[in-house]
């Protein structure tokens, strides 16, 4: 799997989880600990940026799911 494909899959997974919880990107930004902005969430969800492991962890905590659920590209909601 190529890097760009993996980034898109992880971004899509984050978006699926966020939408399943009825959250907008702005809502998610408000729940993430530390500094992150809506533009960055948008870039992550579209696979246009390579988030750090710590950023993915903070997003998983805000979404109240495990980090493994964020990076599980085999499952869809």
N, C-alpha and C. Protein backbone atom coordinates (compact mmCIF):
# COMPACT_ATOMS: atom_id res chain seq x y z
N UNK A 1 0.86 -1.18 0.00
CA UNK A 1 0.00 0.00 0.00
C UNK A 1 0.90 1.24 0.00
N UNK A 2 0.54 2.19 -0.82
CA UNK A 2 1.31 3.42 -0.89
C UNK A 2 0.94 4.35 0.26
N UNK A 3 1.87 5.25 0.58
CA UNK A 3 1.68 6.18 1.69
C UNK A 3 0.41 7.01 1.49
N UNK A 4 0.22 7.55 0.29
CA UNK A 4 -0.95 8.41 0.05
C UNK A 4 -2.26 7.64 0.23
N UNK A 5 -2.26 6.39 -0.18
CA UNK A 5 -3.47 5.56 -0.02
C UNK A 5 -3.75 5.31 1.47
N UNK A 6 -2.70 5.02 2.23
CA UNK A 6 -2.87 4.79 3.67
C UNK A 6 -3.39 6.04 4.37
N UNK A 7 -2.83 7.20 4.03
CA UNK A 7 -3.28 8.45 4.65
C UNK A 7 -4.74 8.71 4.34
N UNK A 8 -5.17 8.42 3.11
CA UNK A 8 -6.58 8.61 2.75
C UNK A 8 -7.48 7.65 3.51
N UNK A 9 -7.04 6.41 3.68
CA UNK A 9 -7.85 5.43 4.41
C UNK A 9 -8.01 5.82 5.87
N UNK A 10 -6.92 6.26 6.50
CA UNK A 10 -6.99 6.67 7.91
C UNK A 10 -7.86 7.92 8.03
N UNK A 11 -7.70 8.85 7.12
CA UNK A 11 -8.53 10.06 7.14
C UNK A 11 -10.00 9.74 6.99
N UNK A 12 -10.31 8.83 6.07
CA UNK A 12 -11.70 8.41 5.86
C UNK A 12 -12.24 7.74 7.12
N UNK A 13 -11.42 6.95 7.77
CA UNK A 13 -11.82 6.27 9.00
C UNK A 13 -12.16 7.30 10.10
N UNK A 14 -11.31 8.31 10.24
CA UNK A 14 -11.57 9.37 11.23
C UNK A 14 -12.89 10.06 10.91
N UNK A 15 -13.10 10.37 9.64
CA UNK A 15 -14.33 11.04 9.22
C UNK A 15 -15.55 10.15 9.50
N UNK A 16 -15.45 8.87 9.20
CA UNK A 16 -16.57 7.95 9.44
C UNK A 16 -16.93 7.90 10.93
N UNK A 17 -15.91 7.81 11.77
CA UNK A 17 -16.17 7.75 13.22
C UNK A 17 -16.77 9.06 13.69
N UNK A 18 -16.20 10.18 13.23
CA UNK A 18 -16.70 11.50 13.63
C UNK A 18 -18.17 11.66 13.24
N UNK A 19 -18.50 11.31 12.00
CA UNK A 19 -19.88 11.44 11.53
C UNK A 19 -20.82 10.49 12.25
N UNK A 20 -20.34 9.29 12.58
CA UNK A 20 -21.20 8.33 13.29
C UNK A 20 -21.55 8.83 14.69
N UNK A 21 -20.73 9.73 15.22
CA UNK A 21 -20.99 10.31 16.54
C UNK A 21 -21.70 11.65 16.44
N UNK A 22 -22.06 12.05 15.21
CA UNK A 22 -22.80 13.29 15.01
C UNK A 22 -21.99 14.54 15.26
N UNK A 23 -20.68 14.47 15.05
CA UNK A 23 -19.81 15.62 15.31
C UNK A 23 -19.39 16.29 14.01
N UNK A 24 -19.34 17.62 14.04
CA UNK A 24 -18.76 18.35 12.93
C UNK A 24 -17.25 18.44 13.16
N UNK A 25 -16.53 18.90 12.16
CA UNK A 25 -15.09 19.09 12.35
C UNK A 25 -14.83 20.10 13.46
N UNK A 26 -15.63 21.13 13.54
CA UNK A 26 -15.48 22.15 14.59
C UNK A 26 -15.70 21.51 15.97
N UNK A 27 -16.72 20.66 16.07
CA UNK A 27 -16.98 19.96 17.33
C UNK A 27 -15.77 19.13 17.73
N UNK A 28 -15.19 18.41 16.76
CA UNK A 28 -14.04 17.56 17.04
C UNK A 28 -12.86 18.39 17.52
N UNK A 29 -12.59 19.50 16.85
CA UNK A 29 -11.49 20.38 17.26
C UNK A 29 -11.67 20.82 18.71
N UNK A 30 -12.90 21.12 19.09
CA UNK A 30 -13.18 21.54 20.47
C UNK A 30 -12.92 20.46 21.50
N UNK A 31 -12.98 19.20 21.07
CA UNK A 31 -12.79 18.09 22.00
C UNK A 31 -11.34 17.60 22.07
N UNK A 32 -10.52 17.98 21.08
CA UNK A 32 -9.13 17.52 21.04
C UNK A 32 -8.29 18.32 22.03
N UNK A 33 -7.54 17.60 22.87
CA UNK A 33 -6.64 18.27 23.80
C UNK A 33 -5.47 18.86 23.05
N UNK A 34 -5.08 20.08 23.42
CA UNK A 34 -3.95 20.72 22.76
C UNK A 34 -4.39 21.51 21.55
N UNK A 35 -3.42 22.09 20.89
CA UNK A 35 -3.71 22.99 19.78
C UNK A 35 -3.85 22.22 18.46
N UNK A 36 -5.01 22.34 17.86
CA UNK A 36 -5.29 21.78 16.54
C UNK A 36 -6.40 22.64 15.95
N UNK A 37 -6.40 22.82 14.65
CA UNK A 37 -7.45 23.65 14.07
C UNK A 37 -8.26 22.87 13.04
N UNK A 38 -9.37 23.47 12.65
CA UNK A 38 -10.29 22.80 11.74
C UNK A 38 -9.63 22.51 10.40
N UNK A 39 -8.76 23.40 9.95
CA UNK A 39 -8.06 23.19 8.69
C UNK A 39 -7.23 21.92 8.74
N UNK A 40 -6.56 21.71 9.88
CA UNK A 40 -5.73 20.51 10.03
C UNK A 40 -6.60 19.25 10.04
N UNK A 41 -7.72 19.28 10.73
CA UNK A 41 -8.63 18.12 10.73
C UNK A 41 -9.10 17.84 9.30
N UNK A 42 -9.43 18.87 8.57
CA UNK A 42 -9.86 18.71 7.19
C UNK A 42 -8.77 18.06 6.34
N UNK A 43 -7.53 18.51 6.51
CA UNK A 43 -6.41 17.94 5.75
C UNK A 43 -6.16 16.50 6.14
N UNK A 44 -6.30 16.17 7.42
CA UNK A 44 -6.12 14.78 7.87
C UNK A 44 -7.20 13.89 7.26
N UNK A 45 -8.45 14.33 7.34
CA UNK A 45 -9.57 13.53 6.83
C UNK A 45 -9.49 13.31 5.32
N UNK A 46 -8.91 14.25 4.60
CA UNK A 46 -8.81 14.10 3.14
C UNK A 46 -7.51 13.41 2.72
N UNK A 47 -6.64 13.10 3.70
CA UNK A 47 -5.40 12.40 3.39
C UNK A 47 -4.33 13.29 2.80
N UNK A 48 -4.46 14.61 2.99
CA UNK A 48 -3.49 15.54 2.43
C UNK A 48 -2.33 15.84 3.36
N UNK A 49 -2.33 15.30 4.56
CA UNK A 49 -1.24 15.52 5.50
C UNK A 49 -0.96 14.23 6.25
N UNK A 50 0.24 14.13 6.77
CA UNK A 50 0.65 12.94 7.51
C UNK A 50 0.68 13.29 9.00
N UNK A 51 -0.41 12.98 9.73
CA UNK A 51 -0.45 13.34 11.15
C UNK A 51 0.52 12.50 11.97
N UNK A 52 1.01 13.08 13.05
CA UNK A 52 1.88 12.32 13.94
C UNK A 52 1.06 11.30 14.70
N UNK A 53 1.74 10.34 15.26
CA UNK A 53 1.08 9.33 16.08
C UNK A 53 0.38 10.00 17.26
N UNK A 54 1.01 11.00 17.84
CA UNK A 54 0.42 11.69 18.98
C UNK A 54 -0.86 12.43 18.57
N UNK A 55 -0.87 13.03 17.38
CA UNK A 55 -2.08 13.70 16.89
C UNK A 55 -3.20 12.68 16.70
N UNK A 56 -2.88 11.54 16.12
CA UNK A 56 -3.89 10.48 15.96
C UNK A 56 -4.41 10.02 17.31
N UNK A 57 -3.51 9.92 18.30
CA UNK A 57 -3.92 9.53 19.65
C UNK A 57 -4.89 10.56 20.23
N UNK A 58 -4.56 11.85 20.09
CA UNK A 58 -5.43 12.91 20.63
C UNK A 58 -6.79 12.89 19.94
N UNK A 59 -6.81 12.64 18.64
CA UNK A 59 -8.09 12.54 17.91
C UNK A 59 -8.88 11.34 18.41
N UNK A 60 -8.21 10.21 18.62
CA UNK A 60 -8.91 9.02 19.11
C UNK A 60 -9.52 9.28 20.50
N UNK A 61 -8.79 9.99 21.35
CA UNK A 61 -9.32 10.31 22.68
C UNK A 61 -10.53 11.22 22.57
N UNK A 62 -10.47 12.20 21.67
CA UNK A 62 -11.60 13.12 21.48
C UNK A 62 -12.82 12.39 20.94
N UNK A 63 -12.59 11.37 20.11
CA UNK A 63 -13.69 10.60 19.54
C UNK A 63 -14.13 9.46 20.46
N UNK A 64 -13.41 9.29 21.56
CA UNK A 64 -13.71 8.25 22.55
C UNK A 64 -13.65 6.86 21.94
N UNK A 65 -12.60 6.62 21.14
CA UNK A 65 -12.32 5.31 20.57
C UNK A 65 -10.84 5.01 20.80
N UNK A 66 -10.47 3.76 20.62
CA UNK A 66 -9.07 3.41 20.78
C UNK A 66 -8.28 3.85 19.54
N UNK A 67 -6.99 4.03 19.73
CA UNK A 67 -6.13 4.39 18.61
C UNK A 67 -6.19 3.32 17.52
N UNK A 68 -6.32 2.07 17.94
CA UNK A 68 -6.39 0.99 16.95
C UNK A 68 -7.62 1.12 16.06
N UNK A 69 -8.72 1.66 16.59
CA UNK A 69 -9.91 1.86 15.76
C UNK A 69 -9.67 2.93 14.69
N UNK A 70 -8.83 3.90 15.00
CA UNK A 70 -8.50 4.96 14.04
C UNK A 70 -7.67 4.40 12.90
N UNK A 71 -6.71 3.54 13.21
CA UNK A 71 -5.80 3.05 12.18
C UNK A 71 -6.26 1.74 11.55
N UNK A 72 -7.40 1.22 11.99
CA UNK A 72 -7.94 -0.01 11.41
C UNK A 72 -8.56 0.31 10.06
N UNK A 73 -7.83 0.07 9.01
CA UNK A 73 -8.30 0.40 7.67
C UNK A 73 -9.10 -0.73 7.04
N UNK A 74 -9.26 -1.83 7.77
CA UNK A 74 -10.01 -2.99 7.26
C UNK A 74 -11.49 -2.91 7.58
N UNK A 75 -11.87 -2.08 8.55
CA UNK A 75 -13.24 -2.04 9.02
C UNK A 75 -13.89 -0.73 8.61
N UNK A 76 -15.14 -0.79 8.25
CA UNK A 76 -15.92 0.44 8.01
C UNK A 76 -17.11 0.44 8.93
N UNK A 77 -17.57 1.62 9.25
CA UNK A 77 -18.72 1.76 10.15
C UNK A 77 -20.00 1.64 9.36
